[in-house]
């Protein structure tokens, strides 16, 4: 299994599990796997706010072990959870959550009222170059007046100097494009691309692809924010 699946499996079996997150731009970070098993009351305020704006049928993208899908189902919402982590999908099925082990861009055939991309879930778009394709696939999966709820972070602060100035190479790739991989013990996963977006860039791409743009909540200290996008005809 992949490192995330192995770590989740150990945690479920009662073992402490620490996942290491490697990046090409920042130092390695350690993540306690219990974070994926948070209850609704343990979710950050931004994620709790997102769940309050869900409507109708819901596609939870990157659902992992259901920190968002499970409380929504308990409130009566019709959910489809998708994830590329095999253990997470099997775990959800055991919890009676409809789930598929599939990449978002390969998922099709149904339309939803809400697409949910939490925990920086829009990162799966990978790069600015692929962002238009991401939004067009979202449109194909949404009913009329359907919404996207997503959170992301403006990571410009990574490039600030001690005096508060920002140093970004304008000739390089967009500053929110990262590479990550997970490791767990001796098991190392493949590198994958991930995208963080500043509000202005996200708004422009959303508008260009036929969505209205609304900031629902913003943490100015961490530059983390929650966005609601509504599909326009």
Foldseek 3Di string as FASTA:
>chain_A
DAQLLVQVVCVVVPHWFWKWKDWPQDHIDIDTNCVLVDALVPDPPQLVVLLVPDDAEEEEEQCQQNNPPVVSVVVPHHYEYEELRPNSQVNNVVVVRHYDNDHLLPDADEATQEYEQEPLRVFSCQAPVSLLVVLVSNVRRYDAFGKYKYKFADVQVSQADPVGDGDDDPVDGDPQKMWMWMDTVPGTDDIGITGGDQPVSVCVSLVVNAWHKDWPDADVVGRMTMIMITHHD
